[in-house]
Amino acid sequence: MSRDRSGGLRLAHCVNVAQALGPAATATAMNAAVIHRIPEESGCTIEDLATWGVDPVVCEVVDVLTRRGGETYTDYIRRICDAPGVAGDTARLVMVADLTLSADREDSDALRERYEQSLPLVRNALAAAIG
C-alpha cells in the first residue's frame, strides 16, 4: 500500500474523495473515486481494470481522470474539462471533490494554489455540461 507525502494511505484519500461526493452520488462516481489513482500509482492499466470486471463506464471515468505521461497539469485539467458524455461529467464531479479535499489538506502553498485555481475551471465545465 503506498503512502502520500504526509504519510497517509493513498487509498484513504480515494475513499475520502468518494465520501466527499455526497449522499446523492451515483455508484459509478463513487466507484471511480475509490479507484481513480490506481493507474497512476501502479502498473495497472484501464484494460486491466476492465479485465478484472470493473464496469466499462467506471473504466472510462478513470481513464479521463488518469494523467498521461508527459501531460502538463494544465493540459490534464483542460482534458478533464473537455471530456464528453457521462464519463466526462462524472470525471468532473470526482475531480471537484478531489481538488476540494486536496486544497483543504495540502501543506504546500504552491500545490494548494494550483488546486484552488483549477477548481473553478472544473466546476464551470461541469455546470456548462449539465446545463
C-alpha atoms as a PDB file:
ATOM      1  CA  MET A   1       0.000   0.000   0.000  1.00  0.00           C
ATOM      2  CA  SER A   2       1.522   3.317  -0.974  1.00  0.00           C
ATOM      3  CA  ARG A   3       1.554   6.470   1.104  1.00  0.00           C
ATOM      4  CA  ASP A   4       1.389  10.148   0.188  1.00  0.00           C
ATOM      5  CA  ARG A   5       3.959  12.814   1.138  1.00  0.00           C
ATOM      6  CA  SER A   6       2.402  13.263   4.578  1.00  0.00           C
ATOM      7  CA  GLY A   7       2.461   9.517   5.317  1.00  0.00           C
ATOM      8  CA  GLY A   8      -1.269   8.938   4.782  1.00  0.00           C
ATOM      9  CA  LEU A   9      -2.516   5.976   2.798  1.00  0.00           C
ATOM     10  CA  ARG A  10      -3.356   6.889  -0.781  1.00  0.00           C
ATOM     11  CA  LEU A  11      -6.370   4.596  -0.532  1.00  0.00           C
ATOM     12  CA  ALA A  12      -7.688   6.747   2.329  1.00  0.00           C
ATOM     13  CA  HIS A  13      -7.550   9.785   0.035  1.00  0.00           C
ATOM     14  CA  CYS A  14      -9.576   7.952  -2.605  1.00  0.00           C
ATOM     15  CA  VAL A  15     -12.187   6.854  -0.059  1.00  0.00           C
ATOM     16  CA  ASN A  16     -12.365  10.446   1.211  1.00  0.00           C
ATOM     17  CA  VAL A  17     -12.941  11.669  -2.358  1.00  0.00           C
ATOM     18  CA  ALA A  18     -15.801   9.172  -2.708  1.00  0.00           C
ATOM     19  CA  GLN A  19     -17.251  10.347   0.606  1.00  0.00           C
ATOM     20  CA  ALA A  20     -16.958  13.987  -0.482  1.00  0.00           C
ATOM     21  CA  LEU A  21     -19.212  13.273  -3.465  1.00  0.00           C
ATOM     22  CA  GLY A  22     -22.120  13.278  -1.025  1.00  0.00           C
ATOM     23  CA  PRO A  23     -25.174  11.091  -0.487  1.00  0.00           C
ATOM     24  CA  ALA A  24     -26.616  11.688  -3.967  1.00  0.00           C
ATOM     25  CA  ALA A  25     -23.513  10.347  -5.737  1.00  0.00           C
ATOM     26  CA  THR A  26     -24.041   7.566  -8.224  1.00  0.00           C
ATOM     27  CA  ALA A  27     -22.398   4.192  -7.803  1.00  0.00           C
ATOM     28  CA  THR A  28     -20.374   4.977 -10.926  1.00  0.00           C
ATOM     29  CA  ALA A  29     -18.980   8.179  -9.403  1.00  0.00           C
ATOM     30  CA  MET A  30     -18.216   6.539  -6.056  1.00  0.00           C
ATOM     31  CA  ASN A  31     -16.525   3.528  -7.659  1.00  0.00           C
ATOM     32  CA  ALA A  32     -14.468   5.762  -9.944  1.00  0.00           C
ATOM     33  CA  ALA A  33     -13.441   7.922  -6.980  1.00  0.00           C
ATOM     34  CA  VAL A  34     -12.241   4.918  -4.994  1.00  0.00           C
ATOM     35  CA  ILE A  35     -10.088   3.540  -7.819  1.00  0.00           C
ATOM     36  CA  HIS A  36      -9.144   6.719  -9.717  1.00  0.00           C
ATOM     37  CA  ARG A  37      -5.494   6.691  -8.612  1.00  0.00           C
ATOM     38  CA  ILE A  38      -4.778   3.045  -9.421  1.00  0.00           C
ATOM     39  CA  PRO A  39      -3.417   3.583 -12.954  1.00  0.00           C
ATOM     40  CA  GLU A  40      -1.146   6.442 -11.819  1.00  0.00           C
ATOM     41  CA  GLU A  41       0.078   4.684  -8.686  1.00  0.00           C
ATOM     42  CA  SER A  42       0.636   1.177 -10.046  1.00  0.00           C
ATOM     43  CA  GLY A  43       1.467  -0.663 -13.225  1.00  0.00           C
ATOM     44  CA  CYS A  44      -2.223  -1.366 -13.705  1.00  0.00           C
ATOM     45  CA  THR A  45      -3.914  -0.164 -16.879  1.00  0.00           C
ATOM     46  CA  ILE A  46      -7.503   0.697 -17.741  1.00  0.00           C
ATOM     47  CA  GLU A  47      -7.562  -2.549 -19.726  1.00  0.00           C
ATOM     48  CA  ASP A  48      -6.528  -4.439 -16.575  1.00  0.00           C
ATOM     49  CA  LEU A  49      -9.417  -2.860 -14.673  1.00  0.00           C
ATOM     50  CA  ALA A  50     -11.825  -3.940 -17.416  1.00  0.00           C
ATOM     51  CA  THR A  51     -10.406  -7.478 -17.376  1.00  0.00           C
ATOM     52  CA  TRP A  52     -10.967  -7.600 -13.619  1.00  0.00           C
ATOM     53  CA  GLY A  53     -14.651  -6.809 -14.118  1.00  0.00           C
ATOM     54  CA  VAL A  54     -14.758  -3.073 -13.427  1.00  0.00           C
ATOM     55  CA  ASP A  55     -17.811  -1.524 -15.071  1.00  0.00           C
ATOM     56  CA  PRO A  56     -16.980  -0.088 -18.521  1.00  0.00           C
ATOM     57  CA  VAL A  57     -18.299   3.389 -17.637  1.00  0.00           C
ATOM     58  CA  VAL A  58     -16.212   3.417 -14.441  1.00  0.00           C
ATOM     59  CA  CYS A  59     -13.203   2.470 -16.588  1.00  0.00           C
ATOM     60  CA  GLU A  60     -13.976   5.398 -18.917  1.00  0.00           C
ATOM     61  CA  VAL A  61     -14.190   7.792 -15.961  1.00  0.00           C
ATOM     62  CA  VAL A  62     -10.923   6.523 -14.503  1.00  0.00           C
ATOM     63  CA  ASP A  63      -9.325   6.886 -17.936  1.00  0.00           C
ATOM     64  CA  VAL A  64     -10.410  10.534 -18.088  1.00  0.00           C
ATOM     65  CA  LEU A  65      -9.032  11.097 -14.566  1.00  0.00           C
ATOM     66  CA  THR A  66      -5.680   9.449 -15.284  1.00  0.00           C
ATOM     67  CA  ARG A  67      -2.925  11.892 -16.098  1.00  0.00           C
ATOM     68  CA  ARG A  68      -0.947  10.852 -19.160  1.00  0.00           C
ATOM     69  CA  GLY A  69       2.826  10.604 -19.228  1.00  0.00           C
ATOM     70  CA  GLY A  70       4.275  13.925 -20.363  1.00  0.00           C
ATOM     71  CA  GLU A  71       0.942  15.702 -19.948  1.00  0.00           C
ATOM     72  CA  THR A  72       1.231  19.063 -18.231  1.00  0.00           C
ATOM     73  CA  TYR A  73      -1.044  19.747 -15.308  1.00  0.00           C
ATOM     74  CA  THR A  74      -2.799  22.480 -17.306  1.00  0.00           C
ATOM     75  CA  ASP A  75      -3.417  20.116 -20.221  1.00  0.00           C
ATOM     76  CA  TYR A  76      -4.640  17.453 -17.791  1.00  0.00           C
ATOM     77  CA  ILE A  77      -7.225  19.792 -16.254  1.00  0.00           C
ATOM     78  CA  ARG A  78      -8.237  21.053 -19.709  1.00  0.00           C
ATOM     79  CA  ARG A  79      -8.741  17.453 -20.921  1.00  0.00           C
ATOM     80  CA  ILE A  80     -10.987  16.694 -17.934  1.00  0.00           C
ATOM     81  CA  CYS A  81     -12.968  19.886 -18.559  1.00  0.00           C
ATOM     82  CA  ASP A  82     -13.450  18.957 -22.232  1.00  0.00           C
ATOM     83  CA  ALA A  83     -14.229  15.242 -21.784  1.00  0.00           C
ATOM     84  CA  PRO A  84     -17.598  14.379 -23.373  1.00  0.00           C
ATOM     85  CA  GLY A  85     -20.586  12.415 -22.165  1.00  0.00           C
ATOM     86  CA  VAL A  86     -21.436  10.726 -18.913  1.00  0.00           C
ATOM     87  CA  ALA A  87     -17.809   9.741 -18.358  1.00  0.00           C
ATOM     88  CA  GLY A  88     -16.722  13.374 -18.674  1.00  0.00           C
ATOM     89  CA  ASP A  89     -19.472  14.658 -16.388  1.00  0.00           C
ATOM     90  CA  THR A  90     -18.693  12.007 -13.791  1.00  0.00           C
ATOM     91  CA  ALA A  91     -14.949  12.656 -14.034  1.00  0.00           C
ATOM     92  CA  ARG A  92     -15.593  16.360 -13.382  1.00  0.00           C
ATOM     93  CA  LEU A  93     -17.694  15.522 -10.301  1.00  0.00           C
ATOM     94  CA  VAL A  94     -14.906  13.337  -8.944  1.00  0.00           C
ATOM     95  CA  MET A  95     -12.279  15.952  -9.790  1.00  0.00           C
ATOM     96  CA  VAL A  96     -14.205  18.701  -7.984  1.00  0.00           C
ATOM     97  CA  ALA A  97     -14.323  16.505  -4.872  1.00  0.00           C
ATOM     98  CA  ASP A  98     -10.632  15.622  -5.246  1.00  0.00           C
ATOM     99  CA  LEU A  99      -9.483  19.215  -5.770  1.00  0.00           C
ATOM    100  CA  THR A 100     -11.607  20.466  -2.864  1.00  0.00           C
ATOM    101  CA  LEU A 101     -10.146  17.883  -0.479  1.00  0.00           C
ATOM    102  CA  SER A 102      -6.626  18.364  -1.774  1.00  0.00           C
ATOM    103  CA  ALA A 103      -6.765  22.155  -1.460  1.00  0.00           C
ATOM    104  CA  ASP A 104      -8.090  21.882   2.102  1.00  0.00           C
ATOM    105  CA  ARG A 105      -5.415  19.402   3.189  1.00  0.00           C
ATOM    106  CA  GLU A 106      -2.350  20.483   1.228  1.00  0.00           C
ATOM    107  CA  ASP A 107       0.641  21.747   3.209  1.00  0.00           C
ATOM    108  CA  SER A 108       2.444  23.150   0.170  1.00  0.00           C
ATOM    109  CA  ASP A 109       1.302  26.682  -0.682  1.00  0.00           C
ATOM    110  CA  ALA A 110       2.193  26.158  -4.350  1.00  0.00           C
ATOM    111  CA  LEU A 111       0.147  22.966  -4.667  1.00  0.00           C
ATOM    112  CA  ARG A 112      -2.774  24.399  -2.708  1.00  0.00           C
ATOM    113  CA  GLU A 113      -2.793  27.413  -5.043  1.00  0.00           C
ATOM    114  CA  ARG A 114      -2.706  25.121  -8.092  1.00  0.00           C
ATOM    115  CA  TYR A 115      -5.715  23.168  -6.783  1.00  0.00           C
ATOM    116  CA  GLU A 116      -7.604  26.335  -5.889  1.00  0.00           C
ATOM    117  CA  GLN A 117      -7.008  27.762  -9.376  1.00  0.00           C
ATOM    118  CA  SER A 118      -8.147  24.543 -11.067  1.00  0.00           C
ATOM    119  CA  LEU A 119     -11.306  24.137  -9.019  1.00  0.00           C
ATOM    120  CA  PRO A 120     -13.392  26.910 -10.669  1.00  0.00           C
ATOM    121  CA  LEU A 121     -12.333  25.719 -14.132  1.00  0.00           C
ATOM    122  CA  VAL A 122     -13.623  22.215 -13.457  1.00  0.00           C
ATOM    123  CA  ARG A 123     -16.759  23.490 -11.672  1.00  0.00           C
ATOM    124  CA  ASN A 124     -17.586  25.787 -14.609  1.00  0.00           C
ATOM    125  CA  ALA A 125     -17.056  22.988 -17.129  1.00  0.00           C
ATOM    126  CA  LEU A 126     -19.322  20.733 -15.066  1.00  0.00           C
ATOM    127  CA  ALA A 127     -22.026  23.399 -14.790  1.00  0.00           C
ATOM    128  CA  ALA A 128     -21.866  24.069 -18.531  1.00  0.00           C
ATOM    129  CA  ALA A 129     -22.068  20.350 -19.348  1.00  0.00           C
ATOM    130  CA  ILE A 130     -25.058  19.580 -17.150  1.00  0.00           C
ATOM    131  CA  GLY A 131     -26.843  22.795 -18.034  1.00  0.00           C
END
